[in-house]
Amino acid sequence: MKRFLSLFLLIASLYSWALPSAAQSKVVVPDSRKGFSELAARLLPAVVNISTEQTVDGDASSMGGQGFRFPGIPKGIFEEFFNNLEPLLVDPPKPRKVVSLGSGFIVDKSGLIVTNYHVIANAKEIHVKFSDNSTAKATVLGKDPKTDLAVLKVKTKKDLQPVTLGNSDDVLVGEWVLAIGNPFGLGGSVSVGIISGRARDINIGTASEFLQTDAAINRGHSGGPLFNADGEVIGINTAIMSPQGGGNVGVAFAIPSNNAARVISVLSKGGRVEHGWLGVVIQHVTDDMTDSLGLERARGALISGVAKDSPAEKAGLKVGDVILEFNGQKIENMPQLTHLITKAAVNEKAKVTVQRDGRTLNVVVTIGKLPDDAVPGGADQEATDDSIGITVGSLPKSSKKQQQEGVLILRVDHRSDAFSEGVRKGDILLGINSTTINSVSDFSKEMGKIKGSSGGKGSLLLLVKKGGGDAPPIYIPVKFNKNA
C-alpha cells in the first residue's frame, strides 16, 4: 500500500527459527461458530501496541484548526491511523507533549519489531505493550521514510513469539485476511476481511503497489500486520481511505510483505536502505495516445522528462520514449515501472526496452541511487501547500528545454477544491494569478504572499497545462481549504 520475492527468501531464512506459526501449520478457514478464534489466539502474542511521545510547537497555527498532525504526514484522503487519535496535549500555549498510538509485530525472538516509519517519526520516547499488558521501552534500530517502514528493538526477558513473512506475490483477490492491531488505543483488536485488490497506487512515498482490503482497519492499526489464513504476514497496514474525520469505510491499504522483506532485512542490521533511481518523469499512456506513439494498445510508461546527468540521460533515454519492458518484465502501467525501478539494486545493469518513433530499442541503464530529497518520478525538489492541497516539484532540465517555465504537480489532495476542479498529478503549474511560476521556490513564495494578504480565505487562479502536453494552458479557479 509485489516485490523482492528473491530477497524474501533470505528474510525467511533469517526468521526460520521463529516459534511455530500458522505458516508451518496449514489452517483451513473454519465454518463453525469459532471462526478464526484459534488462529487469532495464536497470532495475538506477536502483535504489539506502540505509543510514542514527542514535543511540538504549542502555537495555535500548528493546530491547523482541526487538531494536531505529525509533521511530515501529508493531509489527504489517505489518512494515517494514529495521527488523529485525540492526542494528549498539555500546557498550552507552551510546547506540548503529544502521545500517539500505532501497532507493530515481532519478527525476531531477540526483540525486533516492525512498524510504519510514520508511527515513530520524530518520537522522543517509544514504548511497546505486549499482549499480556507488560511493557518495554523501544529504540529505533533502522528506518526508511521512503517506504514508510521502521524496525524497533526492545530488551526484555519475555519469551517473544515472532511471526514470519509470507509471499505477497501469491495473494489472491478474494482471499481471507486478518488484521490485528491497536485501533483507537483499544489494543489486541482482530478483524477479518478479504483482499479487495492488488497493486493499488495511492501515491505514498516510493510504494506504488499496495494491497487493498476491506478488513476493519482504523487509526491506530498503522504498522500492524495483515495476515493470511495460514498466519503469515502478507502486508503491513499503512493507510485508509476515509472521509474527513471519518473512520473505516472498508477501503484500507497494506504494504505487501515482498516489498517490505528487503527493507526489513537491511534495517534489522542497522543499515540504510538504498533505492534505485532512473531519473525520468513518467506518465500514463492513455488510449488517445496510442496512435501517435505507434502502440496497438495503451501500455507502458511514457517518459515526459529526463533529469540532467541521470542514469536515464547517460543511457540515451529521451522524452517521448515509451518504456515497454524493464529487465524482461512487461510494463503495463506507470506504477509498475516505478516499483521495479525503486527495488532495483544500485549500480545494477538494467535492460530497458522502449518504443521510439515506431521502433523498438533495447537500452542498458546503470541504475543510480535515489537521492534523499528526490521523488521516484524524477523531480528533485518539492513543496506542499495544504491550503490548496497540492504538492509541486521541479521539472527536469531536459523538460525545461521545451517547457521554459512551470513546476510539475506531484500530488493533489482528493478532498481539495483543486482536485474537484480537475487539477491532477502530472499537470504543469505555470502561474498563480498573474505571477509566473518558474521554480518550487517561486511557488512557495507566491503562496506565502497570497495567504499573508488574504488570510487563507477566498480563492485564487492556477494557470495549468493539463498533463504537461501540447494543449494550451488554462486558468483554474481554486478555493482555499477551509480546514488548512
Protein backbone atom coordinates (compact mmCIF):
# COMPACT_ATOMS: atom_id res chain seq x y z
CA MET A 1 0.00 0.00 0.00
CA LYS A 2 4.78 -7.20 -5.18
CA ARG A 3 8.32 -7.15 -4.97
CA PHE A 4 11.57 -8.55 -3.52
CA LEU A 5 10.47 -12.19 -3.94
CA SER A 6 14.01 -13.44 -4.27
CA LEU A 7 15.11 -11.36 -1.32
CA PHE A 8 12.12 -12.54 0.66
CA LEU A 9 13.66 -15.99 0.68
CA LEU A 10 16.64 -14.51 2.52
CA ILE A 11 14.33 -12.98 5.09
CA ALA A 12 12.52 -16.27 5.51
CA SER A 13 15.79 -17.96 6.33
CA LEU A 14 16.70 -15.24 8.81
CA TYR A 15 13.46 -15.85 10.67
CA SER A 16 13.21 -19.57 10.11
CA TRP A 17 13.92 -20.22 13.78
CA ALA A 18 10.86 -18.28 14.88
CA LEU A 19 8.40 -20.09 17.10
CA PRO A 20 5.92 -22.35 15.30
CA SER A 21 3.38 -20.31 13.43
CA ALA A 22 0.48 -20.89 11.14
CA ALA A 23 2.99 -20.71 8.28
CA GLN A 24 4.16 -24.16 9.38
CA SER A 25 0.68 -25.48 10.09
CA LYS A 26 -1.87 -25.03 7.34
CA VAL A 27 -5.11 -23.51 8.51
CA VAL A 28 -8.39 -24.26 6.82
CA VAL A 29 -10.93 -21.43 7.09
CA PRO A 30 -13.38 -22.77 9.69
CA ASP A 31 -17.09 -22.88 9.15
CA SER A 32 -18.06 -23.33 12.80
CA ARG A 33 -19.02 -20.63 15.29
CA LYS A 34 -15.38 -20.49 16.41
CA GLY A 35 -14.49 -18.76 13.17
CA PHE A 36 -10.86 -17.60 13.22
CA SER A 37 -10.56 -17.77 17.01
CA GLU A 38 -7.81 -20.42 17.09
CA LEU A 39 -5.75 -18.59 14.51
CA ALA A 40 -6.24 -15.25 16.26
CA ALA A 41 -5.23 -16.71 19.62
CA ARG A 42 -2.00 -17.99 18.07
CA LEU A 43 -1.14 -14.67 16.43
CA LEU A 44 -2.13 -12.14 19.10
CA PRO A 45 1.07 -12.57 21.19
CA ALA A 46 3.14 -11.45 18.17
CA VAL A 47 1.32 -8.12 17.79
CA VAL A 48 2.25 -5.13 19.94
CA ASN A 49 0.81 -1.71 20.72
CA ILE A 50 3.21 1.19 20.17
CA SER A 51 2.93 4.54 21.93
CA THR A 52 5.19 7.48 21.15
CA GLU A 53 5.81 10.82 22.81
CA GLN A 54 7.17 13.97 21.28
CA THR A 55 7.20 17.69 21.98
CA VAL A 56 5.65 20.00 19.40
CA ASP A 57 5.19 23.73 18.97
CA GLY A 58 2.21 24.87 21.02
CA ASP A 59 1.39 27.80 18.74
CA ALA A 60 -2.23 27.77 17.61
CA SER A 61 -1.21 27.86 13.96
CA SER A 62 0.36 24.42 14.31
CA MET A 63 -3.06 23.03 15.11
CA GLY A 64 -4.36 23.76 11.63
CA GLY A 65 -7.82 24.43 13.00
CA GLN A 66 -8.62 20.76 13.44
CA GLY A 67 -6.17 19.25 15.89
CA PHE A 68 -2.51 18.27 15.79
CA ARG A 69 -0.91 16.42 12.88
CA PHE A 70 2.53 14.91 12.99
CA PRO A 71 4.99 16.98 10.96
CA GLY A 72 5.73 15.42 7.59
CA ILE A 73 2.48 13.45 7.40
CA PRO A 74 0.50 14.85 4.44
CA LYS A 75 -3.17 15.67 4.63
CA GLY A 76 -5.35 13.88 2.15
CA ILE A 77 -7.92 11.21 1.61
CA PHE A 78 -5.44 8.58 2.71
CA GLU A 79 -5.47 9.04 6.47
CA GLU A 80 -2.73 7.59 8.63
CA PHE A 81 -4.41 5.85 11.52
CA PHE A 82 -2.91 7.03 14.72
CA ASN A 83 -2.45 10.66 13.74
CA ASN A 84 -5.86 11.99 14.72
CA LEU A 85 -6.29 9.85 17.82
CA GLU A 86 -7.26 12.65 20.24
CA PRO A 87 -3.60 13.33 21.13
CA LEU A 88 -2.77 14.19 24.71
CA LEU A 89 -1.93 17.90 24.80
CA VAL A 90 -0.67 19.65 27.92
CA ASP A 91 0.48 23.11 28.94
CA PRO A 92 -0.92 25.28 26.12
CA PRO A 93 0.28 27.52 24.63
CA LYS A 94 3.77 26.30 25.56
CA PRO A 95 5.42 23.43 23.68
CA ARG A 96 3.13 20.44 24.04
CA LYS A 97 3.71 16.80 24.75
CA VAL A 98 1.85 14.61 22.30
CA VAL A 99 1.16 10.91 22.78
CA SER A 100 0.15 8.94 19.70
CA LEU A 101 -0.56 5.27 19.13
CA GLY A 102 0.18 2.67 16.49
CA SER A 103 0.86 -1.04 16.07
CA GLY A 104 3.72 -3.38 15.22
CA PHE A 105 4.64 -7.04 15.11
CA ILE A 106 7.53 -9.17 16.37
CA VAL A 107 9.74 -10.73 13.70
CA ASP A 108 12.62 -11.98 15.82
CA LYS A 109 12.90 -13.53 19.29
CA SER A 110 15.77 -11.15 20.08
CA GLY A 111 13.26 -8.28 20.20
CA LEU A 112 12.94 -6.95 16.66
CA ILE A 113 9.61 -5.27 15.89
CA VAL A 114 8.40 -3.98 12.52
CA THR A 115 6.13 -0.95 12.22
CA ASN A 116 5.48 2.04 9.96
CA TYR A 117 8.02 4.85 9.95
CA HIS A 118 5.29 7.44 10.44
CA VAL A 119 4.29 5.76 13.71
CA ILE A 120 7.65 6.60 15.30
CA ALA A 121 8.72 9.66 13.26
CA ASN A 122 10.27 12.37 15.49
CA ALA A 123 9.38 10.43 18.64
CA LYS A 124 11.32 11.29 21.80
CA GLU A 125 10.24 8.10 23.54
CA ILE A 126 8.78 4.84 22.23
CA HIS A 127 7.02 2.29 24.41
CA VAL A 128 5.75 -1.13 23.41
CA LYS A 129 2.91 -3.01 25.12
CA PHE A 130 2.69 -6.76 24.63
CA SER A 131 -0.45 -8.88 24.54
CA ASP A 132 -0.09 -9.69 28.28
CA ASN A 133 -0.07 -5.93 29.04
CA SER A 134 3.61 -5.89 30.01
CA THR A 135 5.61 -3.00 28.56
CA ALA A 136 9.12 -2.25 27.38
CA LYS A 137 10.98 0.77 26.08
CA ALA A 138 11.96 0.55 22.43
CA THR A 139 14.71 2.12 20.37
CA VAL A 140 14.81 2.66 16.62
CA LEU A 141 17.20 0.18 15.03
CA GLY A 142 16.54 1.39 11.48
CA LYS A 143 14.07 3.46 9.49
CA ASP A 144 13.26 4.17 5.86
CA PRO A 145 10.85 7.08 5.27
CA LYS A 146 10.58 6.37 1.55
CA THR A 147 8.92 3.00 2.15
CA ASP A 148 7.36 4.09 5.47
CA LEU A 149 8.98 1.22 7.37
CA ALA A 150 10.92 1.04 10.63
CA VAL A 151 12.44 -1.67 12.80
CA LEU A 152 12.46 -1.27 16.59
CA LYS A 153 14.48 -3.11 19.22
CA VAL A 154 13.25 -3.98 22.70
CA LYS A 155 15.16 -5.58 25.58
CA THR A 156 13.02 -7.98 27.54
CA LYS A 157 13.26 -11.32 29.29
CA LYS A 158 9.91 -12.32 27.82
CA ASP A 159 9.65 -15.37 25.62
CA LEU A 160 8.72 -13.47 22.47
CA GLN A 161 6.64 -15.16 19.78
CA PRO A 162 7.60 -13.84 16.33
CA VAL A 163 5.67 -14.33 13.12
CA THR A 164 7.01 -14.94 9.63
CA LEU A 165 6.57 -13.01 6.40
CA GLY A 166 4.52 -14.71 3.71
CA ASN A 167 4.75 -14.41 -0.06
CA SER A 168 2.54 -11.50 -1.05
CA ASP A 169 3.03 -12.31 -4.73
CA ASP A 170 0.80 -15.34 -4.16
CA VAL A 171 -2.03 -13.33 -2.60
CA LEU A 172 -5.35 -13.67 -4.46
CA VAL A 173 -8.17 -11.16 -4.71
CA GLY A 174 -10.97 -12.56 -2.55
CA GLU A 175 -8.56 -14.34 -0.19
CA TRP A 176 -9.34 -14.25 3.55
CA VAL A 177 -7.13 -11.96 5.70
CA LEU A 178 -6.93 -10.94 9.37
CA ALA A 179 -5.85 -7.53 10.63
CA ILE A 180 -4.63 -7.30 14.22
CA GLY A 181 -3.72 -4.01 15.83
CA ASN A 182 -4.39 -1.17 18.22
CA PRO A 183 -7.33 0.85 16.83
CA PHE A 184 -8.06 3.96 18.89
CA GLY A 185 -5.82 2.58 21.63
CA LEU A 186 -8.05 -0.43 22.28
CA GLY A 187 -5.26 -2.97 21.66
CA GLY A 188 -5.43 -6.60 20.61
CA SER A 189 -8.24 -5.98 18.14
CA VAL A 190 -8.88 -8.60 15.46
CA SER A 191 -10.86 -8.01 12.27
CA VAL A 192 -11.43 -10.24 9.27
CA GLY A 193 -11.91 -9.40 5.61
CA ILE A 194 -10.71 -10.25 2.14
CA ILE A 195 -8.15 -8.92 -0.30
CA SER A 196 -10.14 -6.44 -2.38
CA GLY A 197 -7.42 -5.53 -4.86
CA ARG A 198 -3.73 -5.63 -5.64
CA ALA A 199 -1.16 -3.20 -7.00
CA ARG A 200 -3.05 -0.11 -5.85
CA ASP A 201 -1.21 3.16 -6.45
CA ILE A 202 -2.18 5.56 -3.65
CA ASN A 203 0.74 7.95 -4.13
CA ILE A 204 2.57 7.47 -0.84
CA GLY A 205 6.38 7.59 -0.96
CA THR A 206 8.07 5.15 -3.30
CA ALA A 207 5.50 2.44 -2.69
CA SER A 208 3.12 2.08 -5.62
CA GLU A 209 1.56 -1.36 -5.37
CA PHE A 210 -0.40 -1.62 -2.13
CA LEU A 211 -2.71 -4.46 -1.19
CA GLN A 212 -6.30 -3.32 -0.67
CA THR A 213 -8.51 -4.97 1.95
CA ASP A 214 -11.99 -4.48 3.39
CA ALA A 215 -10.96 -5.72 6.86
CA ALA A 216 -11.98 -3.19 9.52
CA ILE A 217 -8.83 -1.09 9.86
CA ASN A 218 -8.80 2.25 11.67
CA ARG A 219 -6.43 4.80 13.15
CA GLY A 220 -4.06 3.01 15.47
CA HIS A 221 -3.75 -0.05 13.22
CA SER A 222 -0.88 1.66 11.40
CA GLY A 223 2.22 -0.53 11.35
CA GLY A 224 0.29 -3.65 12.32
CA PRO A 225 0.25 -6.93 10.39
CA LEU A 226 -2.21 -8.18 7.79
CA PHE A 227 -2.22 -11.99 8.00
CA ASN A 228 -3.31 -14.60 5.51
CA ALA A 229 -5.32 -17.63 6.69
CA ASP A 230 -2.04 -19.50 7.22
CA GLY A 231 -0.92 -16.97 9.82
CA GLU A 232 1.77 -15.40 7.64
CA VAL A 233 2.24 -11.63 7.41
CA ILE A 234 1.41 -10.71 3.83
CA GLY A 235 1.01 -6.97 4.42
CA ILE A 236 1.76 -4.09 6.79
CA ASN A 237 -1.31 -1.91 7.39
CA THR A 238 -0.44 1.65 6.43
CA ALA A 239 -3.34 3.78 5.22
CA ILE A 240 -7.10 4.01 4.89
CA MET A 241 -9.37 5.83 2.51
CA SER A 242 -11.79 7.76 4.66
CA PRO A 243 -13.97 10.86 4.63
CA GLN A 244 -12.53 13.77 6.59
CA GLY A 245 -12.72 12.92 10.27
CA GLY A 246 -14.24 9.53 9.45
CA GLY A 247 -13.22 6.01 10.26
CA ASN A 248 -13.20 2.77 8.39
CA VAL A 249 -15.28 2.57 5.21
CA GLY A 250 -13.93 -0.77 4.03
CA VAL A 251 -11.03 0.55 1.97
CA ALA A 252 -7.63 0.04 3.60
CA PHE A 253 -4.13 -0.42 2.22
CA ALA A 254 -1.15 -2.51 3.27
CA ILE A 255 2.46 -2.64 2.10
CA PRO A 256 2.95 -6.11 0.55
CA SER A 257 5.34 -8.32 2.51
CA ASN A 258 7.54 -8.91 -0.52
CA ASN A 259 8.04 -5.15 -0.81
CA ALA A 260 9.00 -4.95 2.85
CA ALA A 261 11.25 -8.00 3.11
CA ARG A 262 14.49 -6.48 1.78
CA VAL A 263 13.92 -3.26 3.69
CA ILE A 264 13.29 -5.11 6.96
CA SER A 265 16.43 -7.19 6.42
CA VAL A 266 18.61 -4.10 5.95
CA LEU A 267 17.04 -2.15 8.81
CA SER A 268 17.29 -5.11 11.17
CA LYS A 269 21.07 -4.92 10.79
CA GLY A 270 21.11 -1.17 11.41
CA GLY A 271 21.76 -0.47 7.75
CA ARG A 272 20.47 2.21 5.42
CA VAL A 273 18.21 1.27 2.52
CA GLU A 274 19.25 2.36 -0.96
CA HIS A 275 16.57 2.72 -3.63
CA GLY A 276 17.12 2.53 -7.36
CA TRP A 277 16.82 5.67 -9.47
CA LEU A 278 16.42 6.10 -13.21
CA GLY A 279 15.96 9.87 -13.33
CA VAL A 280 12.87 10.14 -15.51
CA VAL A 281 9.47 11.74 -15.18
CA ILE A 282 6.87 9.29 -16.44
CA GLN A 283 3.15 9.38 -17.09
CA HIS A 284 0.37 7.01 -18.02
CA VAL A 285 -0.16 6.04 -21.66
CA THR A 286 -3.82 6.69 -22.49
CA ASP A 287 -5.96 5.31 -25.30
CA ASP A 288 -5.87 8.60 -27.19
CA MET A 289 -2.05 8.49 -27.27
CA THR A 290 -1.64 5.05 -28.82
CA ASP A 291 -1.82 6.07 -32.49
CA SER A 292 0.72 8.86 -32.19
CA LEU A 293 3.03 6.65 -30.14
CA GLY A 294 2.71 3.73 -32.55
CA LEU A 295 1.23 1.36 -29.96
CA GLU A 296 -1.51 -1.18 -30.61
CA ARG A 297 -2.98 -0.50 -27.14
CA ALA A 298 -2.41 1.63 -24.06
CA ARG A 299 0.51 0.13 -22.15
CA GLY A 300 3.93 1.05 -20.85
CA ALA A 301 5.08 4.32 -19.30
CA LEU A 302 5.68 7.50 -21.31
CA ILE A 303 8.81 9.50 -20.49
CA SER A 304 7.90 13.18 -20.19
CA GLY A 305 11.16 14.34 -18.65
CA VAL A 306 14.77 13.21 -18.20
CA ALA A 307 16.90 14.63 -15.39
CA LYS A 308 20.27 16.06 -16.30
CA ASP A 309 23.23 13.72 -15.66
CA SER A 310 20.81 10.99 -14.58
CA PRO A 311 21.25 7.29 -15.40
CA ALA A 312 18.50 7.67 -18.00
CA GLU A 313 20.22 10.55 -19.76
CA LYS A 314 23.57 8.79 -19.74
CA ALA A 315 21.97 5.70 -21.28
CA GLY A 316 20.33 7.72 -24.04
CA LEU A 317 16.67 7.59 -22.96
CA LYS A 318 14.68 10.51 -24.36
CA VAL A 319 11.49 12.42 -23.78
CA GLY A 320 8.77 10.72 -25.80
CA ASP A 321 10.15 7.20 -25.33
CA VAL A 322 7.64 4.64 -24.08
CA ILE A 323 9.16 2.11 -21.68
CA LEU A 324 7.64 -1.28 -22.54
CA GLU A 325 9.89 -3.64 -20.56
CA PHE A 326 12.25 -3.38 -17.60
CA ASN A 327 14.66 -6.27 -17.07
CA GLY A 328 12.43 -8.55 -19.12
CA GLN A 329 9.20 -7.69 -17.28
CA LYS A 330 6.48 -6.19 -19.44
CA ILE A 331 5.29 -2.78 -18.24
CA GLU A 332 1.54 -2.34 -18.30
CA ASN A 333 1.32 0.89 -16.32
CA MET A 334 3.30 3.65 -14.68
CA PRO A 335 3.15 2.41 -11.03
CA GLN A 336 4.54 -0.96 -12.09
CA LEU A 337 7.63 0.69 -13.56
CA THR A 338 8.11 2.92 -10.50
CA HIS A 339 8.04 -0.18 -8.32
CA LEU A 340 10.60 -2.05 -10.43
CA ILE A 341 12.99 0.90 -10.53
CA THR A 342 12.95 1.58 -6.80
CA LYS A 343 13.54 -2.08 -5.95
CA ALA A 344 16.44 -2.40 -8.41
CA ALA A 345 19.93 -2.57 -6.90
CA VAL A 346 22.15 0.49 -7.18
CA ASN A 347 24.73 0.00 -9.98
CA GLU A 348 22.68 -2.84 -11.44
CA LYS A 349 22.75 -3.06 -15.24
CA ALA A 350 19.10 -2.94 -16.25
CA LYS A 351 17.82 -3.74 -19.71
CA VAL A 352 15.12 -1.28 -20.73
CA THR A 353 13.01 -1.82 -23.85
CA VAL A 354 11.46 1.33 -25.30
CA GLN A 355 9.39 2.32 -28.30
CA ARG A 356 10.74 5.38 -30.09
CA ASP A 357 9.37 6.76 -33.34
CA GLY A 358 7.74 3.44 -34.17
CA ARG A 359 10.90 1.43 -33.50
CA THR A 360 11.65 -0.91 -30.59
CA LEU A 361 15.02 -0.29 -28.94
CA ASN A 362 16.90 -2.02 -26.11
CA VAL A 363 18.91 0.24 -23.82
CA VAL A 364 21.15 -0.79 -20.93
CA VAL A 365 20.93 1.57 -17.96
CA THR A 366 23.16 1.57 -14.89
CA ILE A 367 20.73 2.14 -12.01
CA GLY A 368 21.63 5.05 -9.77
CA LYS A 369 20.87 5.74 -6.11
CA LEU A 370 17.68 7.66 -5.40
CA PRO A 371 18.82 10.91 -3.75
CA ASP A 372 17.45 11.57 -0.28
CA ASP A 373 15.46 14.58 -1.46
CA ALA A 374 14.28 13.07 -4.75
CA VAL A 375 10.97 11.51 -5.64
CA PRO A 376 10.66 8.38 -7.83
CA GLY A 377 9.17 10.28 -10.75
CA GLY A 378 12.32 12.35 -11.13
CA ALA A 379 11.56 15.76 -9.62
CA ASP A 380 14.50 16.80 -7.44
CA GLN A 381 12.66 19.33 -5.25
CA GLU A 382 9.12 19.56 -3.94
CA ALA A 383 6.87 21.71 -1.79
CA THR A 384 3.40 21.14 -0.40
CA ASP A 385 0.80 23.80 0.30
CA ASP A 386 -2.04 22.40 2.40
CA SER A 387 -4.19 25.49 1.88
CA ILE A 388 -4.89 24.44 -1.71
CA GLY A 389 -3.98 20.77 -1.34
CA ILE A 390 -1.24 20.34 -3.93
CA THR A 391 2.41 19.29 -3.95
CA VAL A 392 4.69 20.54 -6.72
CA GLY A 393 8.17 19.54 -7.83
CA SER A 394 10.81 20.98 -10.11
CA LEU A 395 10.81 19.93 -13.75
CA PRO A 396 13.84 18.02 -15.05
CA LYS A 397 16.07 20.34 -17.04
CA SER A 398 15.52 18.39 -20.24
CA SER A 399 11.81 19.16 -19.95
CA LYS A 400 12.58 22.84 -19.49
CA LYS A 401 14.15 22.96 -22.94
CA GLN A 402 10.65 22.50 -24.26
CA GLN A 403 8.75 23.95 -21.29
CA GLN A 404 10.60 27.09 -20.24
CA GLU A 405 8.64 27.71 -17.07
CA GLY A 406 6.47 25.93 -14.57
CA VAL A 407 6.58 23.25 -11.90
CA LEU A 408 5.27 19.70 -12.01
CA ILE A 409 2.23 18.86 -9.90
CA LEU A 410 3.19 15.70 -7.98
CA ARG A 411 0.16 15.17 -5.75
CA VAL A 412 -3.34 16.59 -5.29
CA ASP A 413 -5.35 16.17 -2.08
CA HIS A 414 -8.53 14.32 -3.04
CA ARG A 415 -10.53 16.47 -0.60
CA SER A 416 -9.34 19.79 -2.01
CA ASP A 417 -11.16 22.15 -4.31
CA ALA A 418 -8.20 21.85 -6.68
CA PHE A 419 -8.99 18.17 -7.15
CA SER A 420 -12.70 18.92 -7.61
CA GLU A 421 -11.83 21.48 -10.29
CA GLY A 422 -9.75 18.96 -12.23
CA VAL A 423 -6.16 19.63 -11.18
CA ARG A 424 -4.27 16.35 -11.37
CA LYS A 425 -0.88 14.78 -10.79
CA GLY A 426 1.24 15.28 -13.91
CA ASP A 427 -0.18 18.72 -14.76
CA ILE A 428 2.26 21.62 -15.07
CA LEU A 429 1.61 24.74 -12.99
CA LEU A 430 2.71 27.81 -14.94
CA GLY A 431 1.38 30.59 -12.78
CA ILE A 432 -0.65 31.71 -9.79
CA ASN A 433 -2.98 34.63 -10.51
CA SER A 434 -0.81 36.96 -12.61
CA THR A 435 2.54 35.71 -11.31
CA THR A 436 4.68 33.34 -13.39
CA ILE A 437 5.99 30.29 -11.56
CA ASN A 438 9.42 29.10 -12.68
CA SER A 439 10.52 27.06 -9.68
CA VAL A 440 9.43 25.37 -6.47
CA SER A 441 10.79 28.40 -4.61
CA ASP A 442 8.59 30.70 -6.71
CA PHE A 443 5.58 28.58 -5.79
CA SER A 444 6.30 28.69 -2.06
CA LYS A 445 6.98 32.43 -2.04
CA GLU A 446 3.87 33.32 -4.03
CA MET A 447 1.62 31.14 -1.91
CA GLY A 448 3.09 32.75 1.19
CA LYS A 449 2.35 36.23 -0.15
CA ILE A 450 -1.21 35.36 -1.11
CA LYS A 451 -2.02 33.71 2.21
CA GLY A 452 -0.44 36.64 4.04
CA SER A 453 -2.65 39.16 2.29
CA SER A 454 -5.86 37.11 2.17
CA GLY A 455 -5.60 35.25 5.43
CA GLY A 456 -6.02 31.98 3.55
CA LYS A 457 -9.59 32.81 2.61
CA GLY A 458 -11.31 33.12 -0.74
CA SER A 459 -9.78 31.71 -3.91
CA LEU A 460 -7.01 32.11 -6.45
CA LEU A 461 -6.33 31.23 -10.09
CA LEU A 462 -3.91 28.49 -11.12
CA LEU A 463 -2.55 28.62 -14.67
CA VAL A 464 -2.24 24.94 -15.57
CA LYS A 465 -1.12 22.98 -18.62
CA LYS A 466 -3.03 19.73 -18.43
CA GLY A 467 -0.91 16.57 -18.45
CA GLY A 468 2.14 18.55 -19.46
CA GLY A 469 1.12 18.09 -23.11
CA ASP A 470 0.64 20.44 -26.04
CA ALA A 471 -2.77 21.74 -25.02
CA PRO A 472 -2.82 25.48 -24.27
CA PRO A 473 -2.69 26.39 -20.57
CA ILE A 474 -5.94 27.25 -18.80
CA TYR A 475 -6.77 29.15 -15.64
CA ILE A 476 -8.49 27.07 -12.97
CA PRO A 477 -10.19 28.81 -10.03
CA VAL A 478 -9.34 27.12 -6.73
CA LYS A 479 -10.75 27.85 -3.28
CA PHE A 480 -8.65 27.64 -0.15
CA ASN A 481 -9.29 24.61 2.02
CA LYS A 482 -11.40 25.65 4.99
CA ASN A 483 -9.51 23.48 7.48
CA ALA A 484 -5.99 24.01 6.21
